Protein backbone atom coordinates (compact mmCIF):
# COMPACT_ATOMS: atom_id res chain seq x y z
CA UNK A 1 -64.80 -82.12 25.37
CA UNK A 2 -63.24 -85.57 25.10
CA UNK A 3 -60.33 -86.56 27.33
CA UNK A 4 -59.13 -89.53 25.34
CA UNK A 5 -55.69 -88.00 24.86
CA UNK A 6 -54.46 -88.16 28.45
CA UNK A 7 -54.46 -90.33 31.55
CA UNK A 8 -54.71 -87.09 33.52
CA UNK A 9 -56.96 -84.06 33.13
CA UNK A 10 -55.21 -81.85 30.52
CA UNK A 11 -53.75 -78.78 32.17
CA UNK A 12 -51.09 -76.32 31.19
CA UNK A 13 -49.06 -77.18 34.28
CA UNK A 14 -48.75 -80.86 33.15
CA UNK A 15 -46.49 -82.47 30.56
CA UNK A 16 -48.09 -85.61 29.21
CA UNK A 17 -46.17 -88.79 30.12
CA UNK A 18 -45.99 -89.79 26.45
CA UNK A 19 -44.64 -86.46 25.19
CA UNK A 20 -41.39 -86.62 23.33
CA UNK A 21 -39.23 -83.94 21.68
CA UNK A 22 -36.89 -85.21 18.99
CA UNK A 23 -37.36 -88.77 20.28
CA UNK A 24 -36.52 -87.96 23.93
CA UNK A 25 -39.07 -88.06 26.79
CA UNK A 26 -39.11 -85.10 29.18
CA UNK A 27 -40.79 -84.20 32.43
CA UNK A 28 -41.56 -80.61 33.38
CA UNK A 29 -38.18 -79.90 35.05
CA UNK A 30 -36.17 -81.64 32.26
CA UNK A 31 -38.03 -79.62 29.61
CA UNK A 32 -37.11 -76.40 31.43
CA UNK A 33 -33.43 -77.33 31.24
CA UNK A 34 -33.72 -78.14 27.53
CA UNK A 35 -35.41 -74.79 26.94
CA UNK A 36 -32.57 -72.95 28.68
CA UNK A 37 -29.97 -74.81 26.63
CA UNK A 38 -31.83 -74.00 23.39
CA UNK A 39 -31.93 -70.30 24.26
CA UNK A 40 -28.26 -70.25 25.24
CA UNK A 41 -26.65 -72.47 22.58
CA UNK A 42 -29.26 -73.38 19.96
CA UNK A 43 -29.69 -72.26 16.36
CA UNK A 44 -32.14 -69.37 15.74
CA UNK A 45 -35.19 -71.65 15.34
CA UNK A 46 -34.23 -73.62 18.46
CA UNK A 47 -33.87 -70.34 20.41
CA UNK A 48 -37.44 -69.49 19.37
CA UNK A 49 -38.58 -72.93 20.58
CA UNK A 50 -36.68 -72.49 23.84
CA UNK A 51 -38.16 -69.05 24.52
CA UNK A 52 -41.65 -70.33 24.04
CA UNK A 53 -41.07 -73.38 26.23
CA UNK A 54 -39.86 -71.11 29.01
CA UNK A 55 -43.00 -68.99 28.64
CA UNK A 56 -45.23 -72.12 28.58
CA UNK A 57 -43.59 -73.74 31.61
CA UNK A 58 -43.46 -70.66 33.87
CA UNK A 59 -45.98 -69.89 36.66
CA UNK A 60 -48.09 -67.46 34.65
CA UNK A 61 -51.48 -68.55 33.33
CA UNK A 62 -50.95 -66.76 30.05
CA UNK A 63 -48.45 -66.27 27.23
CA UNK A 64 -47.95 -63.33 24.91
CA UNK A 65 -48.14 -63.71 21.12
CA UNK A 66 -47.64 -61.32 18.27
CA UNK A 67 -50.18 -60.83 15.49
CA UNK A 68 -48.87 -61.16 11.97
CA UNK A 69 -49.46 -57.53 11.00
CA UNK A 70 -50.60 -58.43 7.49
CA UNK A 71 -53.68 -56.17 7.80
CA UNK A 72 -52.44 -53.64 10.32
CA UNK A 73 -49.67 -52.85 12.78
CA UNK A 74 -48.37 -56.02 14.54
CA UNK A 75 -49.35 -56.11 18.17
CA UNK A 76 -48.72 -58.26 21.18
CA UNK A 77 -51.72 -59.91 22.71
CA UNK A 78 -52.22 -62.01 25.85
CA UNK A 79 -53.53 -65.57 25.44
CA UNK A 80 -54.69 -67.73 28.34
CA UNK A 81 -52.80 -71.01 28.53
CA UNK A 82 -56.01 -72.84 29.31
CA UNK A 83 -57.50 -71.62 26.00
CA UNK A 84 -54.46 -73.06 24.23
CA UNK A 85 -54.93 -76.38 26.05
CA UNK A 86 -58.60 -76.52 24.95
CA UNK A 87 -57.62 -75.57 21.38
CA UNK A 88 -55.14 -78.45 21.36
CA UNK A 89 -57.75 -80.90 22.59
CA UNK A 90 -60.24 -79.68 19.95
CA UNK A 91 -57.62 -80.27 17.20
CA UNK A 92 -56.69 -83.62 18.60
CA UNK A 93 -60.29 -84.77 18.69
CA UNK A 94 -61.06 -83.47 15.18
CA UNK A 95 -58.05 -85.16 13.61
CA UNK A 96 -58.09 -88.25 15.85
CA UNK A 97 -54.60 -87.70 17.26
CA UNK A 98 -53.63 -90.16 19.99
CA UNK A 99 -50.83 -90.28 22.59
CA UNK A 100 -47.63 -91.60 20.98
CA UNK A 101 -48.52 -90.27 17.50
CA UNK A 102 -45.49 -88.83 15.65
CA UNK A 103 -45.93 -85.24 14.44
CA UNK A 104 -43.70 -82.94 12.43
CA UNK A 105 -43.03 -79.35 13.43
CA UNK A 106 -41.53 -77.18 10.66
CA UNK A 107 -43.00 -73.77 11.48
CA UNK A 108 -41.43 -70.80 13.34
CA UNK A 109 -42.13 -71.08 17.07
CA UNK A 110 -42.55 -67.35 17.58
CA UNK A 111 -45.96 -67.20 15.88
CA UNK A 112 -49.19 -68.87 17.05
CA UNK A 113 -49.28 -71.72 14.55
CA UNK A 114 -45.81 -72.87 15.63
CA UNK A 115 -46.55 -72.36 19.29
CA UNK A 116 -49.66 -74.52 19.04
CA UNK A 117 -47.76 -77.42 17.44
CA UNK A 118 -45.67 -77.52 20.62
CA UNK A 119 -48.66 -77.20 22.91
CA UNK A 120 -50.51 -80.03 21.14
CA UNK A 121 -47.52 -82.31 21.62
CA UNK A 122 -47.13 -81.48 25.34
CA UNK A 123 -50.88 -81.68 26.13
CA UNK A 124 -51.84 -84.66 23.91
CA UNK A 125 -48.69 -86.71 24.48
CA UNK A 126 -47.37 -86.60 20.89
CA UNK A 127 -43.89 -87.33 19.71
CA UNK A 128 -42.70 -84.05 18.16
CA UNK A 129 -39.90 -83.90 15.61
CA UNK A 130 -38.62 -80.38 15.25
CA UNK A 131 -36.87 -79.31 12.02
CA UNK A 132 -35.65 -75.95 10.91
CA UNK A 133 -38.42 -73.89 9.27
CA UNK A 134 -37.71 -73.31 5.56
CA UNK A 135 -39.48 -73.31 2.19
CA UNK A 136 -38.58 -77.02 1.88
CA UNK A 137 -38.11 -78.53 5.35
CA UNK A 138 -35.39 -81.21 5.56
CA UNK A 139 -36.88 -84.27 7.24
CA UNK A 140 -36.12 -87.95 7.72
CA UNK A 141 -38.00 -89.53 4.79
CA UNK A 142 -37.89 -92.95 6.46
CA UNK A 143 -40.31 -91.70 9.16
CA UNK A 144 -44.05 -91.58 8.96
CA UNK A 145 -46.00 -88.79 10.65
CA UNK A 146 -49.63 -88.62 11.77
CA UNK A 147 -49.87 -84.85 11.51
CA UNK A 148 -48.05 -81.75 10.23
CA UNK A 149 -48.78 -78.08 9.64
CA UNK A 150 -47.43 -76.24 6.56
CA UNK A 151 -47.51 -72.77 4.99
CA UNK A 152 -48.79 -72.77 1.36
CA UNK A 153 -45.21 -72.37 0.07
CA UNK A 154 -44.02 -75.36 2.14
CA UNK A 155 -46.90 -77.45 0.92
CA UNK A 156 -46.13 -76.63 -2.68
CA UNK A 157 -42.48 -77.56 -2.31
CA UNK A 158 -43.20 -80.59 -0.15
CA UNK A 159 -46.00 -82.05 -2.29
CA UNK A 160 -43.99 -84.96 -3.70
CA UNK A 161 -42.90 -86.09 -0.20
CA UNK A 162 -46.40 -86.10 1.35
CA UNK A 163 -46.62 -89.88 1.34
CA UNK A 164 -44.94 -89.82 4.75
CA UNK A 165 -47.76 -87.83 6.31
CA UNK A 166 -51.26 -89.03 7.24
CA UNK A 167 -52.93 -85.62 7.79
CA UNK A 168 -51.60 -82.18 6.81
CA UNK A 169 -53.01 -78.76 7.54
CA UNK A 170 -52.04 -75.60 5.67
CA UNK A 171 -52.53 -72.02 6.81
CA UNK A 172 -51.00 -68.51 6.83
CA UNK A 173 -52.26 -67.64 3.35
CA UNK A 174 -54.57 -68.70 0.53
CA UNK A 175 -53.94 -72.04 -1.08
CA UNK A 176 -53.86 -71.59 -4.84
CA UNK A 177 -55.71 -73.81 -7.35
CA UNK A 178 -52.29 -74.86 -8.69
CA UNK A 179 -51.28 -76.25 -5.26
CA UNK A 180 -54.67 -78.02 -4.89
CA UNK A 181 -54.11 -79.64 -8.27
CA UNK A 182 -50.64 -80.80 -7.11
CA UNK A 183 -52.06 -82.58 -4.02
CA UNK A 184 -55.32 -83.95 -5.39
CA UNK A 185 -53.97 -87.52 -5.84
CA UNK A 186 -51.63 -87.49 -2.82
CA UNK A 187 -52.04 -89.94 0.02
CA UNK A 188 -52.59 -87.68 3.02
CA UNK A 189 -55.76 -85.74 3.63
CA UNK A 190 -54.94 -82.04 3.42
CA UNK A 191 -57.00 -79.35 5.06
CA UNK A 192 -56.80 -75.57 4.65
CA UNK A 193 -57.31 -73.87 7.99
CA UNK A 194 -59.01 -70.64 9.07
CA UNK A 195 -57.79 -68.88 12.12
CA UNK A 196 -55.65 -66.08 13.59
CA UNK A 197 -53.64 -65.28 16.65
CA UNK A 198 -56.72 -64.03 18.49
CA UNK A 199 -58.53 -67.42 17.97
CA UNK A 200 -55.46 -69.42 19.13
CA UNK A 201 -54.75 -70.69 15.65
CA UNK A 202 -57.44 -72.48 13.55
CA UNK A 203 -61.10 -72.69 14.48
CA UNK A 204 -62.28 -74.13 11.14
CA UNK A 205 -60.95 -76.28 8.32
CA UNK A 206 -61.68 -76.89 4.65
CA UNK A 207 -60.81 -80.22 3.01
CA UNK A 208 -58.72 -79.90 -0.14
CA UNK A 209 -58.39 -83.46 -1.41
CA UNK A 210 -59.37 -87.12 -0.91
CA UNK A 211 -63.11 -86.53 -1.07
CA UNK A 212 -65.23 -89.59 -0.42
CA UNK A 213 -68.73 -90.56 -1.47
CA UNK A 214 -71.17 -89.03 0.94
CA UNK A 215 -68.50 -86.58 2.18
CA UNK A 216 -70.07 -83.60 3.94
CA UNK A 217 -67.14 -81.36 2.92
CA UNK A 218 -67.27 -79.02 -0.07
CA UNK A 219 -64.31 -77.38 -1.77
CA UNK A 220 -65.36 -73.84 -0.76
CA UNK A 221 -66.81 -74.24 2.78
CA UNK A 222 -64.94 -74.13 6.03
CA UNK A 223 -66.32 -76.39 8.84
CA UNK A 224 -65.82 -75.35 12.41
CA UNK A 225 -64.06 -77.48 15.03
CA UNK A 226 -66.08 -78.99 17.87
CA UNK A 227 -68.03 -76.59 20.12
CA UNK A 228 -67.55 -73.59 17.81
CA UNK A 229 -70.36 -71.81 16.00
CA UNK A 230 -70.33 -68.82 13.59
CA UNK A 231 -72.56 -66.05 12.39
CA UNK A 232 -72.15 -62.72 10.48
CA UNK A 233 -72.49 -59.12 11.63
CA UNK A 234 -74.13 -56.26 9.70
CA UNK A 235 -70.94 -55.88 7.57
CA UNK A 236 -71.20 -59.56 6.54
CA UNK A 237 -68.03 -60.20 8.64
CA UNK A 238 -67.48 -63.43 10.51
CA UNK A 239 -68.40 -63.59 14.21
CA UNK A 240 -67.01 -66.56 16.12
CA UNK A 241 -68.58 -68.08 19.25
CA UNK A 242 -65.96 -70.30 20.91
CA UNK A 243 -66.70 -70.42 24.65
CA UNK A 244 -63.52 -72.32 25.48
CA UNK A 245 -61.42 -69.62 23.85
CA UNK A 246 -63.28 -66.49 24.93
CA UNK A 247 -66.22 -65.53 27.08
CA UNK A 248 -67.10 -62.95 24.43
CA UNK A 249 -67.78 -63.52 20.74
CA UNK A 250 -64.81 -62.81 18.49
CA UNK A 251 -65.67 -60.27 15.73
CA UNK A 252 -63.41 -60.46 12.66
CA UNK A 253 -62.85 -58.30 9.59
CA UNK A 254 -63.30 -61.30 7.24
CA UNK A 255 -66.25 -61.12 4.86
CA UNK A 256 -68.05 -64.43 4.63
CA UNK A 257 -71.16 -66.20 3.44
CA UNK A 258 -72.68 -68.18 6.27
CA UNK A 259 -74.09 -71.57 5.25
CA UNK A 260 -74.91 -72.89 8.71
CA UNK A 261 -73.85 -72.21 12.28
CA UNK A 262 -70.91 -74.52 11.68
CA UNK A 263 -69.94 -73.71 8.07
CA UNK A 264 -69.01 -70.64 6.05
CA UNK A 265 -67.34 -69.50 2.84
CA UNK A 266 -64.54 -66.93 3.08
CA UNK A 267 -64.72 -64.10 0.53
CA UNK A 268 -62.04 -61.64 1.57
CA UNK A 269 -60.98 -58.94 4.04
CA UNK A 270 -63.31 -56.00 4.87
CA UNK A 271 -60.23 -53.78 4.92
CA UNK A 272 -59.48 -54.73 1.28
CA UNK A 273 -62.93 -54.35 -0.29
CA UNK A 274 -62.89 -52.11 -3.40
CA UNK A 275 -65.94 -49.98 -4.29
CA UNK A 276 -65.51 -49.32 -8.04
CA UNK A 277 -68.36 -47.49 -9.72
CA UNK A 278 -70.70 -48.61 -6.92
CA UNK A 279 -69.76 -52.27 -7.26
CA UNK A 280 -68.11 -54.06 -4.38
CA UNK A 281 -65.14 -56.17 -5.42
CA UNK A 282 -63.13 -58.59 -3.29
CA UNK A 283 -59.44 -58.53 -4.22
CA UNK A 284 -58.87 -62.01 -2.86
CA UNK A 285 -61.48 -63.47 -5.27
CA UNK A 286 -59.91 -61.73 -8.24
CA UNK A 287 -56.48 -62.99 -7.15
CA UNK A 288 -57.75 -66.56 -6.99
CA UNK A 289 -58.69 -66.32 -10.68
CA UNK A 290 -55.21 -65.02 -11.56
CA UNK A 291 -53.20 -67.55 -9.60
CA UNK A 292 -51.62 -70.06 -11.87
CA UNK A 293 -51.50 -67.50 -14.70
CA UNK A 294 -48.91 -65.20 -13.06
CA UNK A 295 -45.54 -66.67 -12.14
CA UNK A 296 -44.56 -63.88 -9.80
CA UNK A 297 -45.93 -62.52 -6.50
CA UNK A 298 -48.83 -60.15 -6.96
CA UNK A 299 -51.93 -58.71 -5.36
CA UNK A 300 -55.01 -56.73 -6.32
CA UNK A 301 -55.54 -53.29 -4.78
CA UNK A 302 -57.08 -49.95 -5.65
CA UNK A 303 -56.21 -46.30 -6.15
CA UNK A 304 -58.54 -43.23 -6.04
CA UNK A 305 -60.30 -42.47 -9.31
CA UNK A 306 -62.39 -39.40 -10.24
CA UNK A 307 -64.93 -41.38 -12.25
CA UNK A 308 -65.17 -44.69 -10.35
CA UNK A 309 -64.29 -43.61 -6.84
CA UNK A 310 -61.73 -46.43 -6.77
CA UNK A 311 -60.01 -48.18 -9.67
CA UNK A 312 -58.72 -51.73 -9.55
CA UNK A 313 -54.97 -52.11 -10.01
CA UNK A 314 -52.56 -55.11 -10.19
CA UNK A 315 -49.36 -54.84 -8.16
CA UNK A 316 -46.57 -57.26 -9.11
CA UNK A 317 -43.14 -57.98 -7.68
CA UNK A 318 -40.34 -57.81 -10.26
CA UNK A 319 -40.38 -56.93 -13.92
CA UNK A 320 -43.61 -56.09 -15.76
CA UNK A 321 -43.63 -58.28 -18.83
CA UNK A 322 -47.34 -59.01 -18.68
CA UNK A 323 -49.86 -58.97 -21.53
CA UNK A 324 -53.35 -57.71 -20.67
CA UNK A 325 -54.77 -60.89 -22.26
CA UNK A 326 -54.23 -62.50 -18.80
CA UNK A 327 -57.34 -60.59 -17.70
CA UNK A 328 -59.69 -62.21 -20.22
CA UNK A 329 -61.18 -64.57 -17.60
CA UNK A 330 -62.16 -61.70 -15.32
CA UNK A 331 -65.47 -59.88 -15.26
CA UNK A 332 -65.58 -56.36 -16.69
CA UNK A 333 -65.34 -54.51 -13.36
CA UNK A 334 -62.67 -56.88 -12.01
CA UNK A 335 -60.12 -56.12 -14.76
CA UNK A 336 -57.26 -53.96 -13.44
CA UNK A 337 -57.12 -50.48 -14.95
CA UNK A 338 -53.33 -50.31 -14.38
CA UNK A 339 -50.36 -52.55 -13.57
CA UNK A 340 -47.61 -51.42 -11.18
CA UNK A 341 -44.28 -53.29 -10.79
CA UNK A 342 -42.18 -53.00 -7.63
CA UNK A 343 -38.77 -54.59 -7.01
CA UNK A 344 -39.83 -55.83 -3.57
CA UNK A 345 -43.05 -55.91 -1.55
CA UNK A 346 -43.17 -54.75 2.07
CA UNK A 347 -43.64 -57.81 4.27
CA UNK A 348 -44.36 -58.72 7.88
CA UNK A 349 -41.80 -60.69 9.85
CA UNK A 350 -43.70 -63.86 9.00
CA UNK A 351 -43.43 -63.14 5.25
CA UNK A 352 -46.98 -61.90 4.59
CA UNK A 353 -47.49 -59.00 2.18
CA UNK A 354 -48.41 -55.68 3.80
CA UNK A 355 -50.75 -54.48 1.10
CA UNK A 356 -51.47 -50.96 2.33
CA UNK A 357 -47.81 -50.11 2.96
CA UNK A 358 -46.82 -51.59 -0.39
CA UNK A 359 -49.48 -49.49 -2.21
CA UNK A 360 -48.06 -46.38 -0.52
CA UNK A 361 -44.84 -47.09 -2.43
CA UNK A 362 -46.84 -46.85 -5.68
CA UNK A 363 -48.18 -43.41 -4.75
CA UNK A 364 -44.61 -42.24 -4.62
CA UNK A 365 -43.80 -43.40 -8.14
């Protein structure tokens, strides 16, 4: 692992001498005081930042983080601080971040993606500008940033302002073809990320725009960060070998096609696979074909069926004014057999749709 980012060996007990928060330099003790003041007097997003800083700066060698709960019950897990340091270094090396680079933080600090933006700044010596997380973050448009992380919704709303950012990553949900179309001619290089709380944020990225001649990236393949390899288990689910994160391989429930030990294509969640008439269908792939056609939130799911075993259904949020002609681009078995409209989906605290709980609402209709 490279050490170009620091004049000292990176360690969770150190604050890089070039680290800045909102344009102010802090040493370890000063940062503790700022954290206390944020918790006591700050706005909600600053309190989240303060709470994490206190956790990061304490004497423990770990922090606790909460999984999103989008595919199951949210749970708290323990993450070694050293793993977070190594993850920060891997990201810094991959995206060529250097001490003194300005980075924008517009994510909630109580989830892993937001926590890691802070850790990268402290470990790599970055100048971190913190703004309140929102669908359209309010920033200083006179400033240029080397790096920023967005949710898909933020990226969509922020697309016309991307000229201020050199590299942007987007995670926390699928990036639709409509958003990719919006950013195809934009200045920054934008990458979709693959990761989860258990992998200490992203372990692989997929380039979405600014392809060059001879580029080794493809529009559908994720490439792993340095020193990470991947394989698939007997369910065709992704297995991650990241020694700096875990001494054991990390087994996921994400169905993938492996292209090499450092690249893969994501197909969907094992938990969501639909077996309809003996044919396996991946809801996320069907959804990708419908994005841009539907102007409201939706997802593909299934209900029990006497003939097929499971039948494909479309669940939408809001009024049902849809015409079945929207399904013309889908294969025969992919076409929903029914459409259900709900006034509001059940969500996690981070805004992700809880599919199974939402489908339970349908069963009560």
